[in-house]
Amino acid sequence: VVEFLDEGLVHLLNGDGQAFLNLYYSTIRKIYNKEIPLAKIASKARVKQSINDYKKHCKKVTKSGSAMSRQAHMELVLASNYPATLGETIYYINNGTKKGDGDVKKITKPTKKEKEEYLLKYGSEIPKDYIQVNCYMIPEKELSNNPDMTGEYNVARNITSFNKRIEPLLVVFKPEIRENI
């Protein structure tokens, strides 16, 4: 987004709407074809508590009575038995399939579709209070050694995120054009 804004704002300030739109559609095409380097879209989170403290934290409830939310980086550490240390930064990529697929989802009342998907993937029934992790961890060393590395990510979520950030810039176009972009 930052790189797009650097170049796109220059086009808009110079009154070159056509070049801006060409850049916009070129960026959307790159996102759709998974050509964006993972280093640019990776989420990062710092480990602020031990595994045991995190497990205790998950059992607590909020003021409204609901369970505390899960943290994607800690769930990845748990799932992979990764020996994370306090203060370490974990990099991860969302690889869900829908724009609404968050990094972590606790499924307490699975839908018929979720039951079928779990059965196909694992060959057994979905457990009670299943934690669905829609992301994967990438070592920091791998990202720094190969900054242009591409891979799997949630295309729908990234396009939606990109569009939300770009939408305020579209005020420079006439309303009839703006609605068709």
N, C-alpha and C. Protein backbone atom coordinates (compact mmCIF):
# COMPACT_ATOMS: atom_id res chain seq x y z
N VAL A 1 0.83 -1.19 0.00
CA VAL A 1 0.00 0.00 0.00
C VAL A 1 0.88 1.25 0.00
N VAL A 2 1.93 1.25 0.80
CA VAL A 2 2.80 2.42 0.89
C VAL A 2 3.44 2.71 -0.46
N GLU A 3 3.94 1.67 -1.12
CA GLU A 3 4.56 1.87 -2.43
C GLU A 3 3.54 2.38 -3.45
N PHE A 4 2.32 1.83 -3.38
CA PHE A 4 1.27 2.27 -4.29
C PHE A 4 0.96 3.75 -4.04
N LEU A 5 0.84 4.13 -2.77
CA LEU A 5 0.51 5.52 -2.44
C LEU A 5 1.60 6.48 -2.88
N ASP A 6 2.86 6.08 -2.70
CA ASP A 6 3.96 6.95 -3.13
C ASP A 6 3.86 7.28 -4.60
N GLU A 7 3.58 6.28 -5.41
CA GLU A 7 3.51 6.50 -6.85
C GLU A 7 2.14 7.04 -7.27
N GLY A 8 1.07 6.50 -6.66
CA GLY A 8 -0.29 6.90 -7.04
C GLY A 8 -0.61 8.34 -6.71
N LEU A 9 -0.14 8.84 -5.57
CA LEU A 9 -0.40 10.23 -5.20
C LEU A 9 0.25 11.20 -6.18
N VAL A 10 1.42 10.86 -6.68
CA VAL A 10 2.08 11.72 -7.67
C VAL A 10 1.21 11.82 -8.92
N HIS A 11 0.65 10.69 -9.36
CA HIS A 11 -0.24 10.71 -10.53
C HIS A 11 -1.46 11.57 -10.27
N LEU A 12 -2.07 11.44 -9.09
CA LEU A 12 -3.27 12.22 -8.78
C LEU A 12 -2.95 13.71 -8.67
N LEU A 13 -1.84 14.04 -8.03
CA LEU A 13 -1.47 15.45 -7.89
C LEU A 13 -1.15 16.10 -9.23
N ASN A 14 -0.67 15.30 -10.17
CA ASN A 14 -0.38 15.82 -11.52
C ASN A 14 -1.60 15.77 -12.42
N GLY A 15 -2.74 15.31 -11.89
CA GLY A 15 -3.97 15.25 -12.67
C GLY A 15 -4.00 14.11 -13.67
N ASP A 16 -3.18 13.10 -13.46
CA ASP A 16 -3.11 11.97 -14.39
C ASP A 16 -3.90 10.79 -13.83
N GLY A 17 -5.23 10.88 -13.92
CA GLY A 17 -6.11 9.85 -13.41
C GLY A 17 -5.95 8.52 -14.12
N GLN A 18 -5.66 8.55 -15.40
CA GLN A 18 -5.50 7.32 -16.18
C GLN A 18 -4.29 6.51 -15.68
N ALA A 19 -3.18 7.18 -15.41
CA ALA A 19 -1.99 6.49 -14.90
C ALA A 19 -2.27 5.91 -13.51
N PHE A 20 -3.04 6.66 -12.69
CA PHE A 20 -3.40 6.17 -11.36
C PHE A 20 -4.21 4.88 -11.48
N LEU A 21 -5.20 4.88 -12.38
CA LEU A 21 -6.04 3.69 -12.55
C LEU A 21 -5.24 2.51 -13.11
N ASN A 22 -4.32 2.78 -14.02
CA ASN A 22 -3.46 1.71 -14.55
C ASN A 22 -2.63 1.10 -13.42
N LEU A 23 -2.09 1.95 -12.56
CA LEU A 23 -1.30 1.48 -11.42
C LEU A 23 -2.19 0.68 -10.45
N TYR A 24 -3.40 1.17 -10.22
CA TYR A 24 -4.34 0.50 -9.32
C TYR A 24 -4.64 -0.92 -9.83
N TYR A 25 -5.03 -1.02 -11.08
CA TYR A 25 -5.39 -2.34 -11.64
C TYR A 25 -4.17 -3.26 -11.74
N SER A 26 -3.01 -2.70 -11.97
CA SER A 26 -1.78 -3.49 -11.99
C SER A 26 -1.50 -4.07 -10.60
N THR A 27 -1.72 -3.27 -9.56
CA THR A 27 -1.50 -3.73 -8.18
C THR A 27 -2.52 -4.80 -7.81
N ILE A 28 -3.78 -4.60 -8.18
CA ILE A 28 -4.83 -5.60 -7.91
C ILE A 28 -4.47 -6.92 -8.61
N ARG A 29 -3.98 -6.83 -9.84
CA ARG A 29 -3.58 -8.03 -10.59
C ARG A 29 -2.44 -8.76 -9.85
N LYS A 30 -1.48 -8.01 -9.32
CA LYS A 30 -0.37 -8.63 -8.58
C LYS A 30 -0.87 -9.33 -7.32
N ILE A 31 -1.79 -8.68 -6.62
CA ILE A 31 -2.34 -9.30 -5.41
C ILE A 31 -3.08 -10.58 -5.79
N TYR A 32 -3.91 -10.51 -6.82
CA TYR A 32 -4.72 -11.66 -7.24
C TYR A 32 -3.84 -12.83 -7.70
N ASN A 33 -2.77 -12.53 -8.40
CA ASN A 33 -1.87 -13.58 -8.91
C ASN A 33 -0.81 -14.01 -7.90
N LYS A 34 -0.92 -13.52 -6.68
CA LYS A 34 -0.01 -13.87 -5.58
C LYS A 34 1.44 -13.55 -5.92
N GLU A 35 1.65 -12.36 -6.51
CA GLU A 35 2.98 -11.90 -6.87
C GLU A 35 3.56 -10.93 -5.85
N ILE A 36 2.80 -10.62 -4.80
CA ILE A 36 3.27 -9.70 -3.77
C ILE A 36 4.21 -10.48 -2.84
N PRO A 37 5.41 -9.95 -2.57
CA PRO A 37 6.32 -10.65 -1.66
C PRO A 37 5.71 -10.80 -0.26
N LEU A 38 5.91 -11.96 0.33
CA LEU A 38 5.34 -12.24 1.65
C LEU A 38 5.87 -11.28 2.71
N ALA A 39 7.09 -10.80 2.53
CA ALA A 39 7.66 -9.87 3.49
C ALA A 39 6.83 -8.59 3.60
N LYS A 40 6.12 -8.22 2.53
CA LYS A 40 5.33 -6.99 2.53
C LYS A 40 3.95 -7.17 3.16
N ILE A 41 3.45 -8.41 3.22
CA ILE A 41 2.11 -8.61 3.77
C ILE A 41 2.10 -9.41 5.06
N ALA A 42 3.27 -9.80 5.53
CA ALA A 42 3.33 -10.61 6.75
C ALA A 42 2.90 -9.78 7.96
N SER A 43 2.11 -10.40 8.82
CA SER A 43 1.77 -9.79 10.10
C SER A 43 2.88 -10.16 11.07
N LYS A 44 3.11 -9.29 12.02
CA LYS A 44 4.12 -9.63 13.01
C LYS A 44 3.59 -9.31 14.39
N ALA A 45 3.98 -10.16 15.34
CA ALA A 45 3.55 -9.98 16.72
C ALA A 45 4.67 -10.43 17.63
N ARG A 46 4.79 -9.73 18.73
CA ARG A 46 5.84 -10.03 19.70
C ARG A 46 5.30 -10.96 20.78
N VAL A 47 6.10 -11.93 21.17
CA VAL A 47 5.73 -12.86 22.24
C VAL A 47 5.91 -12.11 23.56
N LYS A 48 4.80 -11.89 24.27
CA LYS A 48 4.84 -11.11 25.50
C LYS A 48 4.59 -11.94 26.75
N GLN A 49 4.27 -13.21 26.57
CA GLN A 49 4.03 -14.08 27.71
C GLN A 49 4.44 -15.51 27.38
N SER A 50 4.69 -16.27 28.42
CA SER A 50 5.09 -17.66 28.21
C SER A 50 3.89 -18.48 27.73
N ILE A 51 4.16 -19.68 27.26
CA ILE A 51 3.10 -20.57 26.78
C ILE A 51 2.12 -20.87 27.91
N ASN A 52 2.63 -21.17 29.09
CA ASN A 52 1.75 -21.48 30.23
C ASN A 52 0.89 -20.29 30.61
N ASP A 53 1.47 -19.08 30.59
CA ASP A 53 0.69 -17.87 30.89
C ASP A 53 -0.39 -17.65 29.84
N TYR A 54 -0.06 -17.94 28.58
CA TYR A 54 -1.05 -17.79 27.51
C TYR A 54 -2.21 -18.77 27.69
N LYS A 55 -1.89 -20.01 28.05
CA LYS A 55 -2.95 -21.00 28.28
C LYS A 55 -3.87 -20.56 29.41
N LYS A 56 -3.31 -19.98 30.46
CA LYS A 56 -4.12 -19.46 31.57
C LYS A 56 -4.96 -18.28 31.11
N HIS A 57 -4.35 -17.42 30.29
CA HIS A 57 -5.04 -16.24 29.75
C HIS A 57 -6.27 -16.65 28.93
N CYS A 58 -6.16 -17.72 28.16
CA CYS A 58 -7.27 -18.18 27.32
C CYS A 58 -8.45 -18.69 28.14
N LYS A 59 -8.20 -19.13 29.35
CA LYS A 59 -9.27 -19.65 30.20
C LYS A 59 -10.04 -18.53 30.91
N LYS A 60 -9.48 -17.33 30.92
CA LYS A 60 -10.14 -16.19 31.57
C LYS A 60 -11.31 -15.71 30.71
N VAL A 61 -12.17 -14.92 31.31
CA VAL A 61 -13.30 -14.34 30.58
C VAL A 61 -13.24 -12.82 30.66
N THR A 62 -13.86 -12.18 29.68
CA THR A 62 -13.92 -10.72 29.66
C THR A 62 -15.01 -10.24 30.60
N LYS A 63 -15.15 -8.92 30.73
CA LYS A 63 -16.19 -8.35 31.59
C LYS A 63 -17.58 -8.77 31.13
N SER A 64 -17.74 -8.97 29.82
CA SER A 64 -19.05 -9.36 29.30
C SER A 64 -19.32 -10.86 29.45
N GLY A 65 -18.32 -11.61 29.89
CA GLY A 65 -18.51 -13.04 30.11
C GLY A 65 -18.06 -13.95 28.99
N SER A 66 -17.57 -13.38 27.90
CA SER A 66 -17.09 -14.22 26.80
C SER A 66 -15.62 -14.57 27.03
N ALA A 67 -15.18 -15.63 26.38
CA ALA A 67 -13.79 -16.07 26.53
C ALA A 67 -12.84 -15.04 25.93
N MET A 68 -11.66 -14.99 26.48
CA MET A 68 -10.63 -14.07 25.95
C MET A 68 -10.30 -14.48 24.52
N SER A 69 -9.99 -13.50 23.70
CA SER A 69 -9.70 -13.80 22.29
C SER A 69 -8.35 -14.50 22.16
N ARG A 70 -8.26 -15.29 21.12
CA ARG A 70 -7.05 -16.04 20.85
C ARG A 70 -6.07 -15.15 20.07
N GLN A 71 -4.80 -15.40 20.25
CA GLN A 71 -3.76 -14.65 19.56
C GLN A 71 -3.12 -15.58 18.52
N ALA A 72 -3.13 -15.14 17.27
CA ALA A 72 -2.66 -15.99 16.18
C ALA A 72 -1.22 -16.44 16.38
N HIS A 73 -0.35 -15.53 16.74
CA HIS A 73 1.05 -15.91 16.88
C HIS A 73 1.26 -16.93 17.99
N MET A 74 0.51 -16.82 19.08
CA MET A 74 0.64 -17.78 20.17
C MET A 74 0.04 -19.13 19.79
N GLU A 75 -1.05 -19.13 19.04
CA GLU A 75 -1.64 -20.38 18.57
C GLU A 75 -0.68 -21.10 17.62
N LEU A 76 0.02 -20.34 16.78
CA LEU A 76 1.01 -20.94 15.87
C LEU A 76 2.18 -21.54 16.65
N VAL A 77 2.61 -20.84 17.69
CA VAL A 77 3.69 -21.34 18.53
C VAL A 77 3.26 -22.64 19.21
N LEU A 78 2.03 -22.66 19.72
CA LEU A 78 1.50 -23.86 20.36
C LEU A 78 1.38 -25.03 19.38
N ALA A 79 0.82 -24.75 18.21
CA ALA A 79 0.57 -25.80 17.22
C ALA A 79 1.86 -26.44 16.70
N SER A 80 2.90 -25.63 16.57
CA SER A 80 4.15 -26.15 15.99
C SER A 80 5.19 -26.51 17.05
N ASN A 81 4.83 -26.37 18.32
CA ASN A 81 5.78 -26.62 19.42
C ASN A 81 7.08 -25.82 19.22
N TYR A 82 6.93 -24.62 18.72
CA TYR A 82 8.07 -23.74 18.47
C TYR A 82 8.57 -23.18 19.81
N PRO A 83 9.86 -23.25 20.09
CA PRO A 83 10.38 -22.76 21.37
C PRO A 83 10.56 -21.24 21.38
N ALA A 84 9.47 -20.50 21.35
CA ALA A 84 9.53 -19.04 21.32
C ALA A 84 10.00 -18.49 22.65
N THR A 85 10.80 -17.44 22.59
CA THR A 85 11.27 -16.78 23.80
C THR A 85 10.55 -15.46 23.97
N LEU A 86 10.50 -14.97 25.18
CA LEU A 86 9.85 -13.68 25.44
C LEU A 86 10.56 -12.59 24.64
N GLY A 87 9.78 -11.74 24.01
CA GLY A 87 10.33 -10.65 23.22
C GLY A 87 10.59 -11.00 21.77
N GLU A 88 10.50 -12.27 21.42
CA GLU A 88 10.73 -12.70 20.03
C GLU A 88 9.57 -12.25 19.15
N THR A 89 9.88 -11.89 17.92
CA THR A 89 8.86 -11.48 16.96
C THR A 89 8.51 -12.66 16.07
N ILE A 90 7.21 -12.93 15.98
CA ILE A 90 6.71 -14.02 15.14
C ILE A 90 6.07 -13.40 13.90
N TYR A 91 6.48 -13.85 12.73
CA TYR A 91 5.90 -13.39 11.46
C TYR A 91 4.96 -14.48 10.95
N TYR A 92 3.78 -14.04 10.49
CA TYR A 92 2.83 -15.02 9.97
C TYR A 92 1.98 -14.42 8.86
N ILE A 93 1.44 -15.31 8.03
CA ILE A 93 0.65 -14.93 6.86
C ILE A 93 -0.73 -15.57 6.97
N ASN A 94 -1.79 -14.78 6.75
CA ASN A 94 -3.15 -15.32 6.73
C ASN A 94 -3.34 -16.05 5.41
N ASN A 95 -3.76 -17.31 5.49
CA ASN A 95 -3.98 -18.09 4.26
C ASN A 95 -5.41 -18.64 4.21
N GLY A 96 -6.35 -17.88 4.77
CA GLY A 96 -7.75 -18.27 4.68
C GLY A 96 -8.23 -18.16 3.24
N THR A 97 -9.50 -18.48 3.03
CA THR A 97 -10.03 -18.46 1.66
C THR A 97 -11.03 -17.34 1.42
N LYS A 98 -11.62 -16.79 2.50
CA LYS A 98 -12.61 -15.73 2.37
C LYS A 98 -12.09 -14.45 3.01
N LYS A 99 -12.65 -13.31 2.60
CA LYS A 99 -12.18 -12.05 3.16
C LYS A 99 -12.46 -11.95 4.66
N GLY A 100 -13.45 -12.69 5.15
CA GLY A 100 -13.79 -12.66 6.56
C GLY A 100 -13.03 -13.67 7.40
N ASP A 101 -12.14 -14.44 6.78
CA ASP A 101 -11.36 -15.43 7.53
C ASP A 101 -10.29 -14.71 8.34
N GLY A 102 -10.51 -14.66 9.64
CA GLY A 102 -9.50 -14.09 10.52
C GLY A 102 -8.34 -15.05 10.69
N ASP A 103 -7.34 -14.62 11.42
CA ASP A 103 -6.17 -15.46 11.62
C ASP A 103 -6.50 -16.68 12.48
N VAL A 104 -7.34 -16.47 13.50
CA VAL A 104 -7.72 -17.55 14.41
C VAL A 104 -9.22 -17.46 14.67
N LYS A 105 -9.87 -18.61 14.71
CA LYS A 105 -11.31 -18.64 14.97
C LYS A 105 -11.62 -19.82 15.87
N LYS A 106 -12.33 -19.55 16.95
CA LYS A 106 -12.76 -20.62 17.85
C LYS A 106 -14.16 -21.04 17.40
N ILE A 107 -14.30 -22.30 17.05
CA ILE A 107 -15.58 -22.82 16.56
C ILE A 107 -16.23 -23.62 17.68
N THR A 108 -17.29 -23.05 18.27
CA THR A 108 -18.00 -23.75 19.34
C THR A 108 -19.25 -24.45 18.81
N LYS A 109 -19.92 -23.81 17.85
CA LYS A 109 -21.10 -24.41 17.22
C LYS A 109 -20.85 -24.46 15.72
N PRO A 110 -20.23 -25.54 15.25
CA PRO A 110 -19.87 -25.62 13.83
C PRO A 110 -21.10 -25.72 12.92
N THR A 111 -20.99 -25.07 11.77
CA THR A 111 -22.03 -25.17 10.76
C THR A 111 -21.85 -26.51 10.03
N LYS A 112 -22.84 -26.85 9.24
CA LYS A 112 -22.78 -28.10 8.47
C LYS A 112 -21.56 -28.09 7.55
N LYS A 113 -21.32 -26.94 6.92
CA LYS A 113 -20.18 -26.81 6.00
C LYS A 113 -18.86 -26.98 6.75
N GLU A 114 -18.73 -26.38 7.93
CA GLU A 114 -17.50 -26.50 8.72
C GLU A 114 -17.28 -27.95 9.15
N LYS A 115 -18.37 -28.64 9.50
CA LYS A 115 -18.26 -30.05 9.87
C LYS A 115 -17.75 -30.88 8.70
N GLU A 116 -18.32 -30.63 7.50
CA GLU A 116 -17.93 -31.37 6.30
C GLU A 116 -16.47 -31.10 5.93
N GLU A 117 -16.05 -29.82 6.00
CA GLU A 117 -14.68 -29.46 5.66
C GLU A 117 -13.69 -30.13 6.62
N TYR A 118 -14.02 -30.13 7.91
CA TYR A 118 -13.13 -30.76 8.89
C TYR A 118 -13.04 -32.26 8.65
N LEU A 119 -14.18 -32.89 8.37
CA LEU A 119 -14.22 -34.33 8.11
C LEU A 119 -13.36 -34.69 6.89
N LEU A 120 -13.47 -33.89 5.82
CA LEU A 120 -12.66 -34.12 4.62
C LEU A 120 -11.17 -33.95 4.89
N LYS A 121 -10.83 -32.94 5.68
CA LYS A 121 -9.43 -32.62 5.92
C LYS A 121 -8.76 -33.60 6.89
N TYR A 122 -9.47 -33.96 7.97
CA TYR A 122 -8.85 -34.76 9.03
C TYR A 122 -9.42 -36.18 9.17
N GLY A 123 -10.55 -36.48 8.52
CA GLY A 123 -11.12 -37.82 8.56
C GLY A 123 -11.83 -38.17 9.85
N SER A 124 -12.13 -37.18 10.66
CA SER A 124 -12.88 -37.42 11.90
C SER A 124 -13.81 -36.23 12.15
N GLU A 125 -14.66 -36.37 13.16
CA GLU A 125 -15.60 -35.30 13.47
C GLU A 125 -14.88 -34.14 14.15
N ILE A 126 -15.42 -32.95 13.96
CA ILE A 126 -14.83 -31.75 14.52
C ILE A 126 -14.96 -31.77 16.05
N PRO A 127 -13.87 -31.51 16.78
CA PRO A 127 -13.95 -31.54 18.24
C PRO A 127 -14.71 -30.33 18.79
N LYS A 128 -15.15 -30.47 20.02
CA LYS A 128 -15.85 -29.37 20.69
C LYS A 128 -14.84 -28.26 20.96
N ASP A 129 -15.24 -27.02 20.77
CA ASP A 129 -14.37 -25.85 20.96
C ASP A 129 -13.08 -25.95 20.14
N TYR A 130 -13.23 -26.22 18.85
CA TYR A 130 -12.11 -26.34 17.92
C TYR A 130 -11.53 -24.97 17.61
N ILE A 131 -10.21 -24.86 17.63
CA ILE A 131 -9.52 -23.62 17.27
C ILE A 131 -9.02 -23.77 15.84
N GLN A 132 -9.60 -22.99 14.92
CA GLN A 132 -9.20 -23.02 13.51
C GLN A 132 -8.16 -21.93 13.29
N VAL A 133 -6.99 -22.32 12.83
CA VAL A 133 -5.90 -21.38 12.57
C VAL A 133 -5.80 -21.19 11.06
N ASN A 134 -6.07 -19.96 10.61
CA ASN A 134 -6.04 -19.65 9.17
C ASN A 134 -4.77 -18.88 8.81
N CYS A 135 -3.65 -19.30 9.34
CA CYS A 135 -2.40 -18.63 9.03
C CYS A 135 -1.24 -19.60 9.23
N TYR A 136 -0.09 -19.20 8.74
CA TYR A 136 1.11 -20.01 8.94
C TYR A 136 2.28 -19.10 9.27
N MET A 137 3.23 -19.66 10.01
CA MET A 137 4.38 -18.91 10.49
C MET A 137 5.52 -18.98 9.48
N ILE A 138 6.24 -17.86 9.37
CA ILE A 138 7.42 -17.80 8.52
C ILE A 138 8.60 -17.31 9.37
N PRO A 139 9.70 -18.03 9.35
CA PRO A 139 10.85 -17.58 10.14
C PRO A 139 11.37 -16.22 9.65
N GLU A 140 11.75 -15.38 10.60
CA GLU A 140 12.26 -14.04 10.26
C GLU A 140 13.50 -14.13 9.36
N LYS A 141 14.33 -15.12 9.62
CA LYS A 141 15.55 -15.31 8.83
C LYS A 141 15.20 -15.55 7.36
N GLU A 142 14.15 -16.34 7.11
CA GLU A 142 13.74 -16.65 5.75
C GLU A 142 13.24 -15.39 5.03
N LEU A 143 12.51 -14.54 5.75
CA LEU A 143 12.01 -13.30 5.16
C LEU A 143 13.15 -12.33 4.85
N SER A 144 14.13 -12.26 5.75
CA SER A 144 15.23 -11.32 5.52
C SER A 144 16.20 -11.84 4.45
N ASN A 145 16.42 -13.16 4.38
CA ASN A 145 17.31 -13.72 3.37
C ASN A 145 16.70 -13.72 1.97
N ASN A 146 15.37 -13.77 1.90
CA ASN A 146 14.68 -13.83 0.62
C ASN A 146 13.50 -12.85 0.63
N PRO A 147 13.78 -11.54 0.53
CA PRO A 147 12.70 -10.54 0.63
C PRO A 147 11.68 -10.58 -0.51
N ASP A 148 12.02 -11.20 -1.63
CA ASP A 148 11.10 -11.27 -2.77
C ASP A 148 10.33 -12.59 -2.82
N MET A 149 10.42 -13.40 -1.75
CA MET A 149 9.75 -14.69 -1.72
C MET A 149 8.23 -14.49 -1.78
N THR A 150 7.59 -15.27 -2.63
CA THR A 150 6.13 -15.24 -2.72
C THR A 150 5.60 -16.56 -2.20
N GLY A 151 4.29 -16.61 -1.97
CA GLY A 151 3.69 -17.83 -1.48
C GLY A 151 2.19 -17.67 -1.33
N GLU A 152 1.59 -18.57 -0.58
CA GLU A 152 0.15 -18.56 -0.38
C GLU A 152 -0.25 -17.47 0.61
N TYR A 153 -1.33 -16.77 0.29
CA TYR A 153 -1.96 -15.83 1.22
C TYR A 153 -3.41 -15.64 0.84
N ASN A 154 -4.16 -15.01 1.72
CA ASN A 154 -5.59 -14.82 1.53
C ASN A 154 -5.81 -13.66 0.55
N VAL A 155 -6.07 -14.00 -0.69
CA VAL A 155 -6.22 -13.00 -1.75
C VAL A 155 -7.41 -12.09 -1.49
N ALA A 156 -8.57 -12.66 -1.16
CA ALA A 156 -9.78 -11.87 -0.95
C ALA A 156 -9.59 -10.85 0.18
N ARG A 157 -8.97 -11.28 1.25
CA ARG A 157 -8.74 -10.39 2.40
C ARG A 157 -7.77 -9.25 2.03
N ASN A 158 -6.72 -9.57 1.28
CA ASN A 158 -5.74 -8.56 0.90
C ASN A 158 -6.30 -7.56 -0.10
N ILE A 159 -7.13 -8.02 -1.02
CA ILE A 159 -7.75 -7.09 -1.97
C ILE A 159 -8.72 -6.16 -1.24
N THR A 160 -9.50 -6.70 -0.33
CA THR A 160 -10.44 -5.88 0.45
C THR A 160 -9.69 -4.84 1.28
N SER A 161 -8.62 -5.26 1.92
CA SER A 161 -7.81 -4.36 2.74
C SER A 161 -7.20 -3.25 1.88
N PHE A 162 -6.69 -3.62 0.73
CA PHE A 162 -6.10 -2.65 -0.19
C PHE A 162 -7.14 -1.63 -0.64
N ASN A 163 -8.32 -2.12 -1.03
CA ASN A 163 -9.38 -1.23 -1.50
C ASN A 163 -9.86 -0.26 -0.41
N LYS A 164 -9.93 -0.72 0.83
CA LYS A 164 -10.35 0.15 1.92
C LYS A 164 -9.37 1.30 2.13
N ARG A 165 -8.11 1.02 1.92
CA ARG A 165 -7.09 2.06 2.12
C ARG A 165 -7.02 3.02 0.94
N ILE A 166 -7.39 2.56 -0.23
CA ILE A 166 -7.31 3.38 -1.44
C ILE A 166 -8.59 4.20 -1.66
N GLU A 167 -9.71 3.72 -1.15
CA GLU A 167 -11.01 4.35 -1.40
C GLU A 167 -11.04 5.87 -1.14
N PRO A 168 -10.44 6.38 -0.06
CA PRO A 168 -10.47 7.84 0.14
C PRO A 168 -9.82 8.64 -0.97
N LEU A 169 -8.90 8.05 -1.70
CA LEU A 169 -8.24 8.77 -2.80
C LEU A 169 -9.15 8.93 -4.01
N LEU A 170 -10.20 8.13 -4.08
CA LEU A 170 -11.06 8.15 -5.26
C LEU A 170 -11.98 9.37 -5.31
N VAL A 171 -11.94 10.23 -4.29
CA VAL A 171 -12.79 11.43 -4.28
C VAL A 171 -12.39 12.39 -5.39
N VAL A 172 -11.20 12.23 -5.96
CA VAL A 172 -10.77 13.12 -7.04
C VAL A 172 -11.50 12.82 -8.35
N PHE A 173 -12.13 11.66 -8.43
CA PHE A 173 -12.86 11.29 -9.64
C PHE A 173 -14.31 11.70 -9.53
N LYS A 174 -14.96 11.91 -10.67
CA LYS A 174 -16.39 12.21 -10.69
C LYS A 174 -17.15 11.03 -10.11
N PRO A 175 -18.29 11.28 -9.45
CA PRO A 175 -19.04 10.17 -8.81
C PRO A 175 -19.38 9.02 -9.74
N GLU A 176 -19.74 9.30 -10.99
CA GLU A 176 -20.11 8.22 -11.91
C GLU A 176 -18.88 7.35 -12.25
N ILE A 177 -17.70 7.94 -12.28
CA ILE A 177 -16.48 7.18 -12.53
C ILE A 177 -16.06 6.44 -11.27
N ARG A 178 -16.15 7.13 -10.14
CA ARG A 178 -15.74 6.58 -8.85
C ARG A 178 -16.48 5.29 -8.53
N GLU A 179 -17.78 5.23 -8.84
CA GLU A 179 -18.58 4.05 -8.53
C GLU A 179 -18.23 2.84 -9.40
N ASN A 180 -17.64 3.09 -10.56
CA ASN A 180 -17.29 2.00 -11.48
C ASN A 180 -15.87 1.48 -11.31
N ILE A 181 -15.07 2.15 -10.51
CA ILE A 181 -13.67 1.74 -10.34
C ILE A 181 -13.63 0.50 -9.48
